[in-house]
Amino acid sequence: MVHAVDRTIATTFHGRMTGRGSSLLVVDEGRFLMAARPPIVTPHRTLVTLTGVGGWVEPGESFSGAAMRETTEETGVEARLLNLQDTLIVHGPDTIEDVCIVGEVGPAAIVYCRMGTPPFDPWSDEYDAVVPVTVYAGTLSGSPAVAAPEEHPFFLWLYPEQLIALADGELPLQFLLSDGAKLVGDLATDKERIVVRLGDSIPALVSALGPTAFGFLGRIARLSQPARVE
């Protein structure tokens, strides 16, 4: 891991300024909010892919602005970004920079995602299309709700260890709920049939971080806690 300082977000992309994404790791009481995509129903199970809250950056929009706009559109409440001291730039599992973003709120990570990779292999070299995704960390001003059910029919609050486990394989929704995950929204299908997996930038980030992923997520969770007055 190479340490660098004093960069802006724009200079990290080296001209790759098209097809940009921005997401938000929403954290509260040690859990992270994941958005469910519309379920895929088969005769034997219902598959749901979980992603971070977020979407594409619109022309003329900042990365942080896109993350906050998408969060409000999807959860119905406003977000507050956590201003982290450093940002991880993840080019791949073996190339991670640790930089300081200046002049704006820095994301927790910038992930150069490979598009269209198979499940649980986010760094497959069979795919050449690469999209930079900024992954911010933040909290919500209120309780989230399902504001865009056609896009995200429900949300799940997951603990760091659950996110890490989902980066490696699918898990039954019922198991996650019994293990402390919290459901936001109503299910249109039997939850006993649902299995979930992670998609987009989050599994790529967790996979690249490897054994340090738990510490990375734990640090974000601690930053969201109110300061104690001794």
Protein backbone atom coordinates (compact mmCIF):
# COMPACT_ATOMS: atom_id res chain seq x y z
CA MET A 1 0.00 0.00 0.00
CA VAL A 2 1.44 3.36 -1.08
CA HIS A 3 0.76 6.49 0.94
CA ALA A 4 0.18 9.82 -0.79
CA VAL A 5 -1.30 13.13 0.30
CA ASP A 6 -3.16 16.15 -0.97
CA ARG A 7 -5.23 15.03 -3.91
CA THR A 8 -8.61 16.09 -5.21
CA ILE A 9 -11.10 13.45 -6.31
CA ALA A 10 -10.84 14.55 -9.96
CA THR A 11 -7.07 14.03 -10.10
CA THR A 12 -7.39 10.42 -8.95
CA PHE A 13 -9.22 9.41 -12.11
CA HIS A 14 -6.47 10.33 -14.59
CA GLY A 15 -8.95 11.32 -17.29
CA ARG A 16 -11.52 8.57 -16.58
CA MET A 17 -14.41 10.96 -16.09
CA THR A 18 -17.21 9.06 -17.87
CA GLY A 19 -19.42 6.36 -16.45
CA ARG A 20 -18.90 7.51 -12.89
CA GLY A 21 -20.75 6.11 -9.90
CA SER A 22 -21.13 7.28 -6.32
CA SER A 23 -22.51 5.38 -3.35
CA LEU A 24 -22.94 5.84 0.37
CA LEU A 25 -22.14 3.40 3.16
CA VAL A 26 -24.87 4.48 5.56
CA VAL A 27 -23.98 3.46 9.12
CA ASP A 28 -25.93 3.46 12.36
CA GLU A 29 -25.33 1.63 15.64
CA GLY A 30 -22.65 -0.56 14.13
CA ARG A 31 -24.69 -1.68 11.11
CA PHE A 32 -24.57 -0.64 7.45
CA LEU A 33 -27.62 -0.02 5.25
CA MET A 34 -27.73 -2.12 2.09
CA ALA A 35 -30.35 -1.62 -0.64
CA ALA A 36 -32.07 -4.62 -2.22
CA ARG A 37 -32.51 -4.79 -5.95
CA PRO A 38 -35.76 -6.26 -7.32
CA PRO A 39 -35.79 -10.00 -6.57
CA ILE A 40 -35.20 -12.66 -9.19
CA VAL A 41 -37.75 -15.43 -8.63
CA THR A 42 -37.01 -19.01 -9.69
CA PRO A 43 -38.90 -22.23 -8.92
CA HIS A 44 -36.52 -23.09 -6.08
CA ARG A 45 -35.55 -19.75 -4.53
CA THR A 46 -35.71 -15.96 -4.72
CA LEU A 47 -32.36 -14.24 -5.29
CA VAL A 48 -31.81 -10.67 -4.06
CA THR A 49 -28.68 -8.64 -4.76
CA LEU A 50 -27.72 -6.02 -2.18
CA THR A 51 -25.90 -2.83 -3.09
CA GLY A 52 -24.86 0.36 -1.39
CA VAL A 53 -27.24 3.31 -1.60
CA GLY A 54 -26.26 5.35 -4.65
CA GLY A 55 -26.15 5.55 -8.42
CA TRP A 56 -24.65 7.35 -11.40
CA VAL A 57 -23.19 10.86 -11.18
CA GLU A 58 -25.13 13.29 -13.35
CA PRO A 59 -23.36 15.83 -15.63
CA GLY A 60 -22.06 18.77 -13.62
CA GLU A 61 -22.72 17.01 -10.32
CA SER A 62 -20.10 16.38 -7.66
CA PHE A 63 -19.47 12.86 -6.40
CA SER A 64 -20.56 13.76 -2.88
CA GLY A 65 -23.63 15.54 -4.25
CA ALA A 66 -24.61 12.45 -6.21
CA ALA A 67 -24.27 10.22 -3.14
CA MET A 68 -26.44 12.55 -1.05
CA ARG A 69 -29.05 13.03 -3.80
CA GLU A 70 -29.36 9.31 -4.44
CA THR A 71 -29.63 8.63 -0.71
CA THR A 72 -32.55 11.04 -0.32
CA GLU A 73 -34.28 9.68 -3.42
CA GLU A 74 -33.96 6.09 -2.22
CA THR A 75 -34.51 6.42 1.56
CA GLY A 76 -36.65 9.57 1.83
CA VAL A 77 -34.27 11.26 4.29
CA GLU A 78 -31.16 13.39 4.04
CA ALA A 79 -27.64 12.18 4.70
CA ARG A 80 -24.67 13.62 6.55
CA LEU A 81 -21.28 12.61 5.16
CA LEU A 82 -18.47 11.55 7.47
CA ASN A 83 -15.29 13.42 6.63
CA LEU A 84 -12.59 10.76 6.81
CA GLN A 85 -8.92 11.55 7.21
CA ASP A 86 -7.87 9.29 4.36
CA THR A 87 -9.31 7.61 1.29
CA LEU A 88 -8.41 4.21 -0.11
CA ILE A 89 -8.06 4.12 -3.89
CA VAL A 90 -8.62 0.51 -4.91
CA HIS A 91 -7.28 -0.24 -8.39
CA GLY A 92 -7.30 -3.97 -7.70
CA PRO A 93 -6.68 -6.46 -4.90
CA ASP A 94 -2.94 -5.91 -5.11
CA THR A 95 -2.91 -2.16 -5.80
CA ILE A 96 -4.37 0.07 -3.10
CA GLU A 97 -3.34 3.65 -2.42
CA ASP A 98 -3.96 5.52 0.82
CA VAL A 99 -4.46 9.22 0.04
CA CYS A 100 -5.76 12.40 1.62
CA ILE A 101 -8.53 14.18 -0.31
CA VAL A 102 -8.36 17.96 0.02
CA GLY A 103 -10.83 20.74 -0.76
CA GLU A 104 -13.92 18.56 -0.28
CA VAL A 105 -15.31 15.77 1.87
CA GLY A 106 -13.30 12.65 1.13
CA PRO A 107 -14.94 9.30 0.44
CA ALA A 108 -13.99 6.20 2.38
CA ALA A 109 -12.81 4.62 -0.85
CA ILE A 110 -12.65 5.01 -4.61
CA VAL A 111 -13.05 1.64 -6.28
CA TYR A 112 -12.19 0.98 -9.92
CA CYS A 113 -14.93 -1.60 -10.48
CA ARG A 114 -14.84 -4.09 -13.34
CA MET A 115 -18.28 -4.24 -14.89
CA GLY A 116 -20.10 -7.49 -15.58
CA THR A 117 -17.88 -9.76 -13.51
CA PRO A 118 -19.33 -13.02 -12.21
CA PRO A 119 -20.56 -13.28 -8.60
CA PHE A 120 -17.81 -13.49 -5.97
CA ASP A 121 -15.08 -12.72 -8.52
CA PRO A 122 -15.17 -8.89 -8.66
CA TRP A 123 -11.62 -8.58 -10.00
CA SER A 124 -11.90 -11.05 -12.87
CA ASP A 125 -9.53 -10.03 -15.67
CA GLU A 126 -11.99 -11.29 -18.30
CA TYR A 127 -13.74 -7.91 -18.27
CA ASP A 128 -12.11 -4.70 -19.50
CA ALA A 129 -14.84 -2.11 -18.79
CA VAL A 130 -13.78 -0.24 -15.64
CA VAL A 131 -15.91 2.35 -13.82
CA PRO A 132 -14.62 4.45 -10.90
CA VAL A 133 -17.06 4.47 -7.99
CA THR A 134 -16.69 6.74 -4.98
CA VAL A 135 -17.84 5.08 -1.75
CA TYR A 136 -18.69 7.66 0.90
CA ALA A 137 -19.57 6.98 4.52
CA GLY A 138 -22.37 8.78 6.30
CA THR A 139 -25.39 8.80 8.56
CA LEU A 140 -29.07 9.58 7.99
CA SER A 141 -31.07 12.44 9.49
CA GLY A 142 -33.95 10.06 10.29
CA SER A 143 -35.19 6.52 9.84
CA PRO A 144 -34.98 5.25 6.26
CA ALA A 145 -38.06 4.21 4.32
CA VAL A 146 -38.62 2.55 0.96
CA ALA A 147 -38.99 5.67 -1.19
CA ALA A 148 -38.40 4.03 -4.59
CA PRO A 149 -39.84 0.50 -4.34
CA GLU A 150 -39.43 -0.18 -8.05
CA GLU A 151 -35.67 0.29 -7.62
CA HIS A 152 -35.14 -0.96 -4.06
CA PRO A 153 -38.11 -2.87 -2.59
CA PHE A 154 -36.47 -3.16 0.83
CA PHE A 155 -33.30 -2.41 2.80
CA LEU A 156 -31.19 -4.42 5.22
CA TRP A 157 -29.06 -3.17 8.10
CA LEU A 158 -26.04 -5.51 8.22
CA TYR A 159 -23.13 -5.85 10.62
CA PRO A 160 -19.55 -5.67 9.21
CA GLU A 161 -19.00 -9.40 9.60
CA GLN A 162 -22.20 -10.07 7.63
CA LEU A 163 -21.01 -7.82 4.78
CA ILE A 164 -17.69 -9.64 4.73
CA ALA A 165 -19.39 -13.04 4.67
CA LEU A 166 -21.65 -11.96 1.80
CA ALA A 167 -18.65 -10.90 -0.26
CA ASP A 168 -17.68 -14.59 -0.39
CA GLY A 169 -21.05 -16.27 -0.88
CA GLU A 170 -24.82 -16.18 -0.73
CA LEU A 171 -26.68 -16.39 2.58
CA PRO A 172 -30.34 -17.01 3.41
CA LEU A 173 -32.18 -13.86 4.42
CA GLN A 174 -33.69 -15.65 7.39
CA PHE A 175 -30.23 -16.53 8.68
CA LEU A 176 -29.11 -12.90 8.47
CA LEU A 177 -32.23 -11.70 10.30
CA SER A 178 -31.72 -14.25 13.07
CA ASP A 179 -28.10 -13.09 13.31
CA GLY A 180 -29.01 -9.45 14.00
CA ALA A 181 -29.70 -7.96 10.57
CA LYS A 182 -32.67 -5.58 10.46
CA LEU A 183 -35.22 -5.40 7.66
CA VAL A 184 -36.62 -2.07 6.43
CA GLY A 185 -39.75 -2.40 4.27
CA ASP A 186 -42.22 -5.13 3.43
CA LEU A 187 -41.43 -8.34 1.58
CA ALA A 188 -43.61 -9.31 -1.36
CA THR A 189 -42.43 -12.92 -1.17
CA ASP A 190 -41.81 -15.53 1.51
CA LYS A 191 -38.56 -14.58 3.27
CA GLU A 192 -37.83 -18.25 3.81
CA ARG A 193 -37.19 -18.49 0.04
CA ILE A 194 -34.88 -15.48 -0.20
CA VAL A 195 -31.12 -15.76 -0.48
CA VAL A 196 -29.00 -12.62 -0.77
CA ARG A 197 -25.65 -11.68 -2.25
CA LEU A 198 -23.64 -8.46 -2.58
CA GLY A 199 -23.16 -6.60 -5.85
CA ASP A 200 -21.37 -3.58 -7.34
CA SER A 201 -18.56 -1.77 -5.52
CA ILE A 202 -18.99 -3.21 -2.01
CA PRO A 203 -17.84 -6.80 -2.71
CA ALA A 204 -14.96 -5.46 -4.80
CA LEU A 205 -13.87 -3.23 -1.91
CA VAL A 206 -14.24 -5.95 0.74
CA SER A 207 -12.47 -8.51 -1.44
CA ALA A 208 -9.54 -6.20 -2.12
CA LEU A 209 -9.13 -5.32 1.56
CA GLY A 210 -9.04 -8.97 2.59
CA PRO A 211 -8.23 -9.42 6.31
CA THR A 212 -8.25 -5.65 6.89
CA ALA A 213 -11.90 -5.26 5.77
CA PHE A 214 -13.27 -5.69 9.29
CA GLY A 215 -11.01 -2.96 10.67
CA PHE A 216 -11.94 -0.64 7.81
CA LEU A 217 -15.68 -1.07 8.38
CA GLY A 218 -15.27 -0.94 12.16
CA ARG A 219 -13.48 2.40 11.95
CA ILE A 220 -16.36 3.87 9.95
CA ALA A 221 -18.86 2.49 12.44
CA ARG A 222 -16.99 4.10 15.35
CA LEU A 223 -16.89 7.47 13.58
CA SER A 224 -20.68 7.47 13.41
CA GLN A 225 -21.04 7.19 17.17
CA PRO A 226 -21.64 10.41 19.16
CA ALA A 227 -18.65 11.61 21.13
CA ARG A 228 -18.69 10.80 24.83
CA VAL A 229 -18.45 13.53 27.39
CA GLU A 230 -16.22 12.41 30.23
